[in-house]
Amino acid sequence: MDYSDFKMSHKQAYELALAIFADIEEYVESHHSEYEAFLIENSLEGGNRSNEIDNQDIVA
C-alpha cells in the first residue's frame, strides 16, 4: 500500500491518539531508563522533533 497521500481528520487523529496512549504510557513507565536515554539521544541530535509533521497536510 502506498500511504504517501494519507490524510486523516483531527477527530480521527485524536481517536487514534487515545487508542495508543495507554500502551505508550505503560511502556514508558515500565522502561523508564530506556525512555530517558531516548530523550537524551534525541535532544543531542537537534532537540524536539515534534514539529517535523507540522507542515504536512492534515484535513480538518
PDB file of N, CA and C in Angstrom:
ATOM      1  N   MET A   1       0.831  -1.193   0.000  1.00  0.00           N
ATOM      2  CA  MET A   1       0.000   0.000   0.000  1.00  0.00           C
ATOM      3  C   MET A   1       0.873   1.254   0.000  1.00  0.00           C
ATOM      4  N   ASP A   2       0.425   2.224  -0.705  1.00  0.00           N
ATOM      5  CA  ASP A   2       1.127   3.493  -0.768  1.00  0.00           C
ATOM      6  C   ASP A   2       0.412   4.500   0.135  1.00  0.00           C
ATOM      7  N   TYR A   3       1.076   4.917   1.197  1.00  0.00           N
ATOM      8  CA  TYR A   3       0.484   5.864   2.139  1.00  0.00           C
ATOM      9  C   TYR A   3       1.034   7.277   1.962  1.00  0.00           C
ATOM     10  N   SER A   4       1.636   7.558   0.828  1.00  0.00           N
ATOM     11  CA  SER A   4       2.254   8.863   0.626  1.00  0.00           C
ATOM     12  C   SER A   4       1.240  10.000   0.569  1.00  0.00           C
ATOM     13  N   ASP A   5      -0.022   9.686   0.313  1.00  0.00           N
ATOM     14  CA  ASP A   5      -1.052  10.720   0.239  1.00  0.00           C
ATOM     15  C   ASP A   5      -2.124  10.485   1.316  1.00  0.00           C
ATOM     16  N   PHE A   6      -1.718   9.902   2.425  1.00  0.00           N
ATOM     17  CA  PHE A   6      -2.641   9.569   3.514  1.00  0.00           C
ATOM     18  C   PHE A   6      -3.048  10.824   4.272  1.00  0.00           C
ATOM     19  N   LYS A   7      -4.343  10.975   4.515  1.00  0.00           N
ATOM     20  CA  LYS A   7      -4.844  12.114   5.264  1.00  0.00           C
ATOM     21  C   LYS A   7      -5.858  11.614   6.285  1.00  0.00           C
ATOM     22  N   MET A   8      -5.931  12.298   7.429  1.00  0.00           N
ATOM     23  CA  MET A   8      -6.956  11.984   8.407  1.00  0.00           C
ATOM     24  C   MET A   8      -7.414  13.273   9.062  1.00  0.00           C
ATOM     25  N   SER A   9      -8.627  13.241   9.534  1.00  0.00           N
ATOM     26  CA  SER A   9      -9.185  14.430  10.170  1.00  0.00           C
ATOM     27  C   SER A   9      -8.612  14.574  11.574  1.00  0.00           C
ATOM     28  N   HIS A  10      -8.818  15.740  12.167  1.00  0.00           N
ATOM     29  CA  HIS A  10      -8.375  15.945  13.550  1.00  0.00           C
ATOM     30  C   HIS A  10      -9.082  14.971  14.475  1.00  0.00           C
ATOM     31  N   LYS A  11     -10.363  14.714  14.223  1.00  0.00           N
ATOM     32  CA  LYS A  11     -11.118  13.759  15.048  1.00  0.00           C
ATOM     33  C   LYS A  11     -10.508  12.367  14.941  1.00  0.00           C
ATOM     34  N   GLN A  12     -10.171  11.939  13.739  1.00  0.00           N
ATOM     35  CA  GLN A  12      -9.557  10.628  13.554  1.00  0.00           C
ATOM     36  C   GLN A  12      -8.188  10.562  14.240  1.00  0.00           C
ATOM     37  N   ALA A  13      -7.406  11.628  14.132  1.00  0.00           N
ATOM     38  CA  ALA A  13      -6.099  11.663  14.783  1.00  0.00           C
ATOM     39  C   ALA A  13      -6.247  11.598  16.298  1.00  0.00           C
ATOM     40  N   TYR A  14      -7.230  12.309  16.822  1.00  0.00           N
ATOM     41  CA  TYR A  14      -7.499  12.306  18.258  1.00  0.00           C
ATOM     42  C   TYR A  14      -7.894  10.900  18.727  1.00  0.00           C
ATOM     43  N   GLU A  15      -8.781  10.251  17.986  1.00  0.00           N
ATOM     44  CA  GLU A  15      -9.214   8.906  18.352  1.00  0.00           C
ATOM     45  C   GLU A  15      -8.055   7.916  18.290  1.00  0.00           C
ATOM     46  N   LEU A  16      -7.190   8.054  17.303  1.00  0.00           N
ATOM     47  CA  LEU A  16      -6.012   7.204  17.212  1.00  0.00           C
ATOM     48  C   LEU A  16      -5.086   7.441  18.397  1.00  0.00           C
ATOM     49  N   ALA A  17      -4.870   8.700  18.736  1.00  0.00           N
ATOM     50  CA  ALA A  17      -4.009   9.024  19.874  1.00  0.00           C
ATOM     51  C   ALA A  17      -4.558   8.423  21.168  1.00  0.00           C
ATOM     52  N   LEU A  18      -5.857   8.525  21.375  1.00  0.00           N
ATOM     53  CA  LEU A  18      -6.465   7.928  22.566  1.00  0.00           C
ATOM     54  C   LEU A  18      -6.281   6.415  22.584  1.00  0.00           C
ATOM     55  N   ALA A  19      -6.383   5.792  21.430  1.00  0.00           N
ATOM     56  CA  ALA A  19      -6.267   4.343  21.344  1.00  0.00           C
ATOM     57  C   ALA A  19      -4.867   3.847  21.693  1.00  0.00           C
ATOM     58  N   ILE A  20      -3.842   4.633  21.353  1.00  0.00           N
ATOM     59  CA  ILE A  20      -2.475   4.156  21.600  1.00  0.00           C
ATOM     60  C   ILE A  20      -1.836   4.761  22.843  1.00  0.00           C
ATOM     61  N   PHE A  21      -2.452   5.794  23.427  1.00  0.00           N
ATOM     62  CA  PHE A  21      -1.840   6.486  24.554  1.00  0.00           C
ATOM     63  C   PHE A  21      -1.564   5.563  25.732  1.00  0.00           C
ATOM     64  N   ALA A  22      -2.537   4.749  26.109  1.00  0.00           N
ATOM     65  CA  ALA A  22      -2.372   3.869  27.272  1.00  0.00           C
ATOM     66  C   ALA A  22      -1.201   2.921  27.072  1.00  0.00           C
ATOM     67  N   ASP A  23      -1.044   2.389  25.858  1.00  0.00           N
ATOM     68  CA  ASP A  23       0.066   1.484  25.587  1.00  0.00           C
ATOM     69  C   ASP A  23       1.408   2.200  25.691  1.00  0.00           C
ATOM     70  N   ILE A  24       1.467   3.413  25.172  1.00  0.00           N
ATOM     71  CA  ILE A  24       2.713   4.175  25.229  1.00  0.00           C
ATOM     72  C   ILE A  24       3.041   4.536  26.669  1.00  0.00           C
ATOM     73  N   GLU A  25       2.052   4.998  27.416  1.00  0.00           N
ATOM     74  CA  GLU A  25       2.265   5.367  28.808  1.00  0.00           C
ATOM     75  C   GLU A  25       2.756   4.161  29.619  1.00  0.00           C
ATOM     76  N   GLU A  26       2.134   3.006  29.424  1.00  0.00           N
ATOM     77  CA  GLU A  26       2.546   1.791  30.133  1.00  0.00           C
ATOM     78  C   GLU A  26       3.980   1.409  29.769  1.00  0.00           C
ATOM     79  N   TYR A  27       4.321   1.506  28.488  1.00  0.00           N
ATOM     80  CA  TYR A  27       5.675   1.168  28.047  1.00  0.00           C
ATOM     81  C   TYR A  27       6.704   2.102  28.683  1.00  0.00           C
ATOM     82  N   VAL A  28       6.426   3.394  28.655  1.00  0.00           N
ATOM     83  CA  VAL A  28       7.364   4.372  29.224  1.00  0.00           C
ATOM     84  C   VAL A  28       7.557   4.117  30.719  1.00  0.00           C
ATOM     85  N   GLU A  29       6.456   3.829  31.426  1.00  0.00           N
ATOM     86  CA  GLU A  29       6.560   3.569  32.861  1.00  0.00           C
ATOM     87  C   GLU A  29       7.379   2.318  33.150  1.00  0.00           C
ATOM     88  N   SER A  30       7.234   1.283  32.332  1.00  0.00           N
ATOM     89  CA  SER A  30       7.952   0.035  32.592  1.00  0.00           C
ATOM     90  C   SER A  30       9.353   0.013  31.988  1.00  0.00           C
ATOM     91  N   HIS A  31       9.690   0.974  31.144  1.00  0.00           N
ATOM     92  CA  HIS A  31      11.018   1.056  30.520  1.00  0.00           C
ATOM     93  C   HIS A  31      11.579   2.470  30.691  1.00  0.00           C
ATOM     94  N   HIS A  32      11.524   2.955  31.910  1.00  0.00           N
ATOM     95  CA  HIS A  32      11.879   4.350  32.171  1.00  0.00           C
ATOM     96  C   HIS A  32      13.320   4.681  31.773  1.00  0.00           C
ATOM     97  N   SER A  33      14.266   3.793  32.066  1.00  0.00           N
ATOM     98  CA  SER A  33      15.665   4.102  31.733  1.00  0.00           C
ATOM     99  C   SER A  33      15.871   4.206  30.224  1.00  0.00           C
ATOM    100  N   GLU A  34      15.204   3.322  29.459  1.00  0.00           N
ATOM    101  CA  GLU A  34      15.312   3.401  28.011  1.00  0.00           C
ATOM    102  C   GLU A  34      14.677   4.686  27.489  1.00  0.00           C
ATOM    103  N   TYR A  35      13.562   5.088  28.100  1.00  0.00           N
ATOM    104  CA  TYR A  35      12.892   6.323  27.705  1.00  0.00           C
ATOM    105  C   TYR A  35      13.775   7.537  27.981  1.00  0.00           C
ATOM    106  N   GLU A  36      14.423   7.554  29.147  1.00  0.00           N
ATOM    107  CA  GLU A  36      15.340   8.653  29.475  1.00  0.00           C
ATOM    108  C   GLU A  36      16.489   8.708  28.468  1.00  0.00           C
ATOM    109  N   ALA A  37      17.026   7.543  28.093  1.00  0.00           N
ATOM    110  CA  ALA A  37      18.103   7.507  27.101  1.00  0.00           C
ATOM    111  C   ALA A  37      17.612   8.027  25.753  1.00  0.00           C
ATOM    112  N   PHE A  38      16.384   7.669  25.381  1.00  0.00           N
ATOM    113  CA  PHE A  38      15.785   8.164  24.135  1.00  0.00           C
ATOM    114  C   PHE A  38      15.700   9.684  24.152  1.00  0.00           C
ATOM    115  N   LEU A  39      15.228  10.249  25.272  1.00  0.00           N
ATOM    116  CA  LEU A  39      15.112  11.708  25.365  1.00  0.00           C
ATOM    117  C   LEU A  39      16.470  12.378  25.244  1.00  0.00           C
ATOM    118  N   ILE A  40      17.466  11.826  25.903  1.00  0.00           N
ATOM    119  CA  ILE A  40      18.819  12.396  25.838  1.00  0.00           C
ATOM    120  C   ILE A  40      19.363  12.302  24.420  1.00  0.00           C
ATOM    121  N   GLU A  41      19.231  11.140  23.806  1.00  0.00           N
ATOM    122  CA  GLU A  41      19.736  10.945  22.448  1.00  0.00           C
ATOM    123  C   GLU A  41      19.095  11.920  21.471  1.00  0.00           C
ATOM    124  N   ASN A  42      17.798  12.098  21.565  1.00  0.00           N
ATOM    125  CA  ASN A  42      17.113  12.988  20.629  1.00  0.00           C
ATOM    126  C   ASN A  42      17.400  14.451  20.914  1.00  0.00           C
ATOM    127  N   SER A  43      17.631  14.823  22.155  1.00  0.00           N
ATOM    128  CA  SER A  43      17.967  16.214  22.433  1.00  0.00           C
ATOM    129  C   SER A  43      19.364  16.540  21.923  1.00  0.00           C
ATOM    130  N   LEU A  44      20.259  15.561  21.918  1.00  0.00           N
ATOM    131  CA  LEU A  44      21.604  15.776  21.395  1.00  0.00           C
ATOM    132  C   LEU A  44      21.613  15.863  19.875  1.00  0.00           C
ATOM    133  N   GLU A  45      20.610  15.293  19.221  1.00  0.00           N
ATOM    134  CA  GLU A  45      20.546  15.296  17.764  1.00  0.00           C
ATOM    135  C   GLU A  45      19.737  16.455  17.211  1.00  0.00           C
ATOM    136  N   GLY A  46      19.435  17.429  18.016  1.00  0.00           N
ATOM    137  CA  GLY A  46      18.733  18.579  17.485  1.00  0.00           C
ATOM    138  C   GLY A  46      17.487  18.945  18.256  1.00  0.00           C
ATOM    139  N   GLY A  47      17.265  18.318  19.368  1.00  0.00           N
ATOM    140  CA  GLY A  47      16.153  18.714  20.219  1.00  0.00           C
ATOM    141  C   GLY A  47      14.824  18.149  19.806  1.00  0.00           C
ATOM    142  N   ASN A  48      13.805  18.923  20.041  1.00  0.00           N
ATOM    143  CA  ASN A  48      12.428  18.500  19.840  1.00  0.00           C
ATOM    144  C   ASN A  48      12.130  18.304  18.359  1.00  0.00           C
ATOM    145  N   ARG A  49      11.700  17.115  18.012  1.00  0.00           N
ATOM    146  CA  ARG A  49      11.393  16.814  16.613  1.00  0.00           C
ATOM    147  C   ARG A  49       9.898  16.795  16.360  1.00  0.00           C
ATOM    148  N   SER A  50       9.097  17.210  17.320  1.00  0.00           N
ATOM    149  CA  SER A  50       7.648  17.126  17.173  1.00  0.00           C
ATOM    150  C   SER A  50       7.129  18.016  16.049  1.00  0.00           C
ATOM    151  N   ASN A  51       7.902  19.008  15.633  1.00  0.00           N
ATOM    152  CA  ASN A  51       7.434  19.901  14.577  1.00  0.00           C
ATOM    153  C   ASN A  51       7.737  19.370  13.178  1.00  0.00           C
ATOM    154  N   GLU A  52       8.283  18.157  13.049  1.00  0.00           N
ATOM    155  CA  GLU A  52       8.577  17.620  11.739  1.00  0.00           C
ATOM    156  C   GLU A  52       7.322  17.386  10.920  1.00  0.00           C
ATOM    157  N   ILE A  53       6.181  17.132  11.554  1.00  0.00           N
ATOM    158  CA  ILE A  53       4.957  16.875  10.804  1.00  0.00           C
ATOM    159  C   ILE A  53       4.080  18.117  10.686  1.00  0.00           C
ATOM    160  N   ASP A  54       4.516  19.237  11.243  1.00  0.00           N
ATOM    161  CA  ASP A  54       3.700  20.442  11.229  1.00  0.00           C
ATOM    162  C   ASP A  54       3.336  20.886   9.818  1.00  0.00           C
ATOM    163  N   ASN A  55       4.197  20.655   8.855  1.00  0.00           N
ATOM    164  CA  ASN A  55       3.935  21.150   7.506  1.00  0.00           C
ATOM    165  C   ASN A  55       3.200  20.160   6.623  1.00  0.00           C
ATOM    166  N   GLN A  56       2.881  18.989   7.138  1.00  0.00           N
ATOM    167  CA  GLN A  56       2.134  18.019   6.355  1.00  0.00           C
ATOM    168  C   GLN A  56       0.672  18.428   6.287  1.00  0.00           C
ATOM    169  N   ASP A  57       0.023  18.041   5.218  1.00  0.00           N
ATOM    170  CA  ASP A  57      -1.400  18.355   5.064  1.00  0.00           C
ATOM    171  C   ASP A  57      -2.228  17.378   5.876  1.00  0.00           C
ATOM    172  N   ILE A  58      -2.931  17.887   6.855  1.00  0.00           N
ATOM    173  CA  ILE A  58      -3.863  17.087   7.636  1.00  0.00           C
ATOM    174  C   ILE A  58      -5.223  17.760   7.475  1.00  0.00           C
ATOM    175  N   VAL A  59      -6.178  16.993   7.022  1.00  0.00           N
ATOM    176  CA  VAL A  59      -7.510  17.532   6.739  1.00  0.00           C
ATOM    177  C   VAL A  59      -8.277  17.671   8.045  1.00  0.00           C
ATOM    178  N   ALA A  60      -8.924  18.824   8.229  1.00  0.00           N
ATOM    179  CA  ALA A  60      -9.714  19.052   9.442  1.00  0.00           C
ATOM    180  C   ALA A  60     -11.080  18.432   9.319  1.00  0.00           C
TER     181      ALA A  60
END
